[in-house]
Amino acid sequence: MTPASDATYPTDVRAALLASARAELLENGTGGLSLRAIAARAGVSRATPKWHFGNRAGLLTALAVEGFAQLGDALAEAVKDSTDPAAGFTALGRTYMDFGLDNPELFDLMFRSVELDRDDPELVRAHRESFSILVGTAMETTGELSADAHDVPLLAWAAAHGLVLLVHGGALQSLTGLATPDEASALAHRLADTFTRRVGTSG
């Protein structure tokens, strides 16, 4: 690759690499990501990604951190002005599913334990911060009446996450006989809404 000129070389190389990696992810999926292609798209030398991220896992981990931060922002926005915890809990489930269905490649990457450095402090922090929004709203919805109440956020997450995966893989459409992926997505949203509403009215 011919080195980029000063006029085209990115001023924030790390950000440029992450933007390049995200574009490559959208086009080729996780399996098609290569440091060479990411560097070429960003307009930097082949060695630059390793300088900033160490290796492929380091770059993918940083990309997953961005994904969890984006998810956390979306969840926080969903309940920002909510005065009804039960309605907020339902909004969180819908927002989580929207994120997963709208960003399938990034969503898949965020939960790929084999591909990421799961002990990375930034990844651990971003993951926990995004999940803490769900926990807080679930506790407001159900109260802390028993130890079982602490299971509600995990159950809600498992339900929404599982529905996203069923839509991604085509299983929900196939098993229900729905005609299009959009219909499967709409059904998944209805199922998530039903679950979160029932949780909200049982507290």
Protein backbone atom coordinates (compact mmCIF):
# COMPACT_ATOMS: atom_id res chain seq x y z
CA MET A 1 0.00 0.00 0.00
CA THR A 2 1.28 3.46 -0.85
CA PRO A 3 1.53 5.65 2.28
CA ALA A 4 -1.16 8.31 2.49
CA SER A 5 -0.19 11.91 1.96
CA ASP A 6 -0.28 14.40 4.82
CA ALA A 7 -3.44 15.88 3.29
CA THR A 8 -5.36 12.58 3.47
CA TYR A 9 -3.83 10.97 6.56
CA PRO A 10 -6.44 10.90 9.37
CA THR A 11 -5.82 13.25 12.29
CA ASP A 12 -7.35 10.80 14.77
CA VAL A 13 -5.90 7.50 13.63
CA ARG A 14 -7.55 5.36 16.29
CA ALA A 15 -10.99 6.73 15.50
CA ALA A 16 -10.37 6.28 11.78
CA LEU A 17 -9.39 2.66 12.31
CA LEU A 18 -12.51 1.97 14.34
CA ALA A 19 -14.71 3.63 11.72
CA SER A 20 -12.97 1.58 9.06
CA ALA A 21 -13.43 -1.60 11.08
CA ARG A 22 -17.13 -0.90 11.50
CA ALA A 23 -17.54 -0.35 7.77
CA GLU A 24 -15.68 -3.60 7.05
CA LEU A 25 -17.86 -5.37 9.62
CA LEU A 26 -21.02 -4.18 7.89
CA GLU A 27 -19.77 -5.33 4.50
CA ASN A 28 -18.05 -8.60 5.39
CA GLY A 29 -19.17 -9.71 8.86
CA THR A 30 -16.82 -10.65 11.67
CA GLY A 31 -15.27 -13.53 9.79
CA GLY A 32 -14.26 -11.26 6.92
CA LEU A 33 -12.47 -8.66 9.00
CA SER A 34 -8.74 -8.30 8.40
CA LEU A 35 -6.30 -5.76 9.77
CA ARG A 36 -4.90 -5.22 6.29
CA ALA A 37 -8.30 -4.30 4.82
CA ILE A 38 -9.10 -2.06 7.78
CA ALA A 39 -5.79 -0.23 7.42
CA ALA A 40 -6.31 0.22 3.69
CA ARG A 41 -9.79 1.65 4.17
CA ALA A 42 -8.52 4.03 6.86
CA GLY A 43 -5.65 5.18 4.63
CA VAL A 44 -2.85 4.13 6.97
CA SER A 45 0.00 1.64 6.82
CA ARG A 46 -0.55 -2.07 7.42
CA ALA A 47 1.32 -1.91 10.73
CA THR A 48 -0.81 0.90 12.17
CA PRO A 49 -3.69 -1.23 13.56
CA LYS A 50 -1.22 -3.34 15.56
CA TRP A 51 0.42 -0.19 16.91
CA HIS A 52 -2.90 1.07 18.30
CA PHE A 53 -4.66 -2.17 19.23
CA GLY A 54 -1.99 -4.84 19.52
CA ASN A 55 -3.74 -7.45 17.40
CA ARG A 56 -7.04 -8.31 15.71
CA ALA A 57 -8.70 -9.23 19.02
CA GLY A 58 -7.70 -5.88 20.48
CA LEU A 59 -9.27 -3.97 17.61
CA LEU A 60 -12.46 -6.06 17.68
CA THR A 61 -12.67 -5.59 21.44
CA ALA A 62 -12.46 -1.81 21.04
CA LEU A 63 -15.19 -2.02 18.41
CA ALA A 64 -17.36 -4.03 20.82
CA VAL A 65 -16.76 -1.40 23.51
CA GLU A 66 -18.16 1.19 21.12
CA GLY A 67 -21.14 -1.07 20.50
CA PHE A 68 -21.95 -1.42 24.20
CA ALA A 69 -21.58 2.32 24.66
CA GLN A 70 -24.00 2.90 21.78
CA LEU A 71 -26.43 0.39 23.27
CA GLY A 72 -26.14 2.01 26.70
CA ASP A 73 -26.87 5.44 25.23
CA ALA A 74 -29.95 4.09 23.44
CA LEU A 75 -31.25 2.42 26.60
CA ALA A 76 -30.67 5.55 28.67
CA GLU A 77 -32.49 7.65 26.08
CA ALA A 78 -35.43 5.23 26.11
CA VAL A 79 -36.15 5.87 29.81
CA LYS A 80 -34.83 9.43 30.10
CA ASP A 81 -38.24 11.08 30.48
CA SER A 82 -40.19 8.08 31.72
CA THR A 83 -42.18 8.51 34.94
CA ASP A 84 -43.74 5.03 34.81
CA PRO A 85 -41.20 2.28 35.61
CA ALA A 86 -43.36 -0.41 34.01
CA ALA A 87 -43.61 1.54 30.75
CA GLY A 88 -39.90 2.25 30.94
CA PHE A 89 -39.15 -1.45 31.34
CA THR A 90 -41.17 -2.21 28.21
CA ALA A 91 -39.37 0.59 26.35
CA LEU A 92 -36.01 -0.90 27.32
CA GLY A 93 -36.94 -4.30 25.92
CA ARG A 94 -38.07 -2.76 22.67
CA THR A 95 -34.94 -0.58 22.44
CA TYR A 96 -32.66 -3.56 23.05
CA MET A 97 -34.37 -5.47 20.29
CA ASP A 98 -34.26 -2.49 17.93
CA PHE A 99 -30.52 -2.21 18.48
CA GLY A 100 -29.93 -5.92 17.89
CA LEU A 101 -32.12 -6.10 14.80
CA ASP A 102 -30.79 -2.87 13.27
CA ASN A 103 -27.12 -3.72 13.91
CA PRO A 104 -26.84 -7.49 13.36
CA GLU A 105 -23.11 -7.61 12.63
CA LEU A 106 -22.14 -5.38 15.55
CA PHE A 107 -24.57 -7.17 17.87
CA ASP A 108 -23.04 -10.50 16.91
CA LEU A 109 -19.53 -9.20 17.51
CA MET A 110 -20.38 -7.79 20.96
CA PHE A 111 -21.20 -11.25 22.28
CA ARG A 112 -18.48 -13.26 20.53
CA SER A 113 -16.42 -14.44 23.48
CA VAL A 114 -13.91 -16.25 21.29
CA GLU A 115 -13.16 -13.17 19.19
CA LEU A 116 -12.80 -10.64 22.03
CA ASP A 117 -10.59 -10.01 25.02
CA ARG A 118 -13.30 -10.58 27.61
CA ASP A 119 -11.00 -9.41 30.44
CA ASP A 120 -10.43 -6.01 28.85
CA PRO A 121 -11.37 -3.43 31.54
CA GLU A 122 -13.06 -1.09 29.06
CA LEU A 123 -15.17 -3.90 27.65
CA VAL A 124 -16.19 -5.08 31.13
CA ARG A 125 -17.10 -1.53 32.15
CA ALA A 126 -19.10 -0.76 28.99
CA HIS A 127 -20.99 -4.05 29.20
CA ARG A 128 -21.88 -3.56 32.87
CA GLU A 129 -22.90 0.06 32.39
CA SER A 130 -25.32 -0.82 29.61
CA PHE A 131 -26.82 -3.64 31.66
CA SER A 132 -27.10 -1.50 34.80
CA ILE A 133 -29.81 0.60 33.11
CA LEU A 134 -31.95 -2.50 32.68
CA VAL A 135 -31.27 -3.58 36.28
CA GLY A 136 -32.22 -0.21 37.72
CA THR A 137 -35.48 0.02 35.80
CA ALA A 138 -36.38 -3.60 36.60
CA MET A 139 -35.88 -2.95 40.32
CA GLU A 140 -38.13 0.10 40.13
CA THR A 141 -40.73 -1.96 38.32
CA THR A 142 -40.79 -5.08 40.48
CA GLY A 143 -39.53 -3.73 43.78
CA GLU A 144 -37.06 -5.66 45.90
CA LEU A 145 -39.62 -7.99 47.47
CA SER A 146 -37.49 -11.10 47.27
CA ALA A 147 -34.26 -12.48 45.92
CA ASP A 148 -36.21 -13.53 42.82
CA ALA A 149 -36.65 -9.87 41.89
CA HIS A 150 -32.96 -9.73 41.06
CA ASP A 151 -33.51 -12.41 38.43
CA VAL A 152 -35.93 -10.23 36.46
CA PRO A 153 -33.28 -8.19 34.58
CA LEU A 154 -31.50 -11.37 33.54
CA LEU A 155 -34.74 -12.98 32.39
CA ALA A 156 -35.69 -9.86 30.44
CA TRP A 157 -32.28 -9.68 28.83
CA ALA A 158 -32.36 -13.39 27.97
CA ALA A 159 -35.80 -13.04 26.40
CA ALA A 160 -34.94 -10.00 24.28
CA HIS A 161 -31.51 -11.34 23.32
CA GLY A 162 -32.89 -14.75 22.40
CA LEU A 163 -35.61 -13.23 20.23
CA VAL A 164 -33.02 -11.16 18.36
CA LEU A 165 -31.00 -14.31 17.66
CA LEU A 166 -34.10 -16.20 16.51
CA VAL A 167 -34.88 -13.42 14.04
CA HIS A 168 -31.27 -13.18 12.86
CA GLY A 169 -31.03 -16.89 12.21
CA GLY A 170 -34.41 -17.10 10.48
CA ALA A 171 -35.71 -19.65 13.02
CA LEU A 172 -38.63 -17.52 14.22
CA GLN A 173 -39.83 -16.94 10.67
CA SER A 174 -39.41 -20.61 9.77
CA LEU A 175 -41.12 -22.04 12.85
CA THR A 176 -44.09 -19.66 12.69
CA GLY A 177 -44.54 -19.80 8.92
CA LEU A 178 -44.34 -16.03 8.55
CA ALA A 179 -43.83 -14.78 5.03
CA THR A 180 -41.06 -12.21 5.58
CA PRO A 181 -38.27 -11.33 8.00
CA ASP A 182 -40.10 -8.07 8.75
CA GLU A 183 -43.09 -10.05 10.00
CA ALA A 184 -40.78 -12.13 12.20
CA SER A 185 -39.26 -8.93 13.58
CA ALA A 186 -42.71 -7.52 14.35
CA LEU A 187 -43.67 -10.74 16.14
CA ALA A 188 -40.47 -10.65 18.18
CA HIS A 189 -41.28 -7.12 19.31
CA ARG A 190 -44.80 -8.17 20.32
CA LEU A 191 -43.46 -11.09 22.31
CA ALA A 192 -40.95 -8.88 24.11
CA ASP A 193 -43.65 -6.31 24.86
CA THR A 194 -45.91 -9.02 26.27
CA PHE A 195 -43.16 -10.27 28.56
CA THR A 196 -42.13 -6.88 29.89
CA ARG A 197 -45.73 -5.73 30.39
CA ARG A 198 -46.53 -8.82 32.42
CA VAL A 199 -43.46 -8.32 34.54
CA GLY A 200 -44.50 -4.72 35.09
CA THR A 201 -48.00 -5.64 36.24
CA SER A 202 -46.86 -8.49 38.49
CA GLY A 203 -44.70 -6.32 40.75
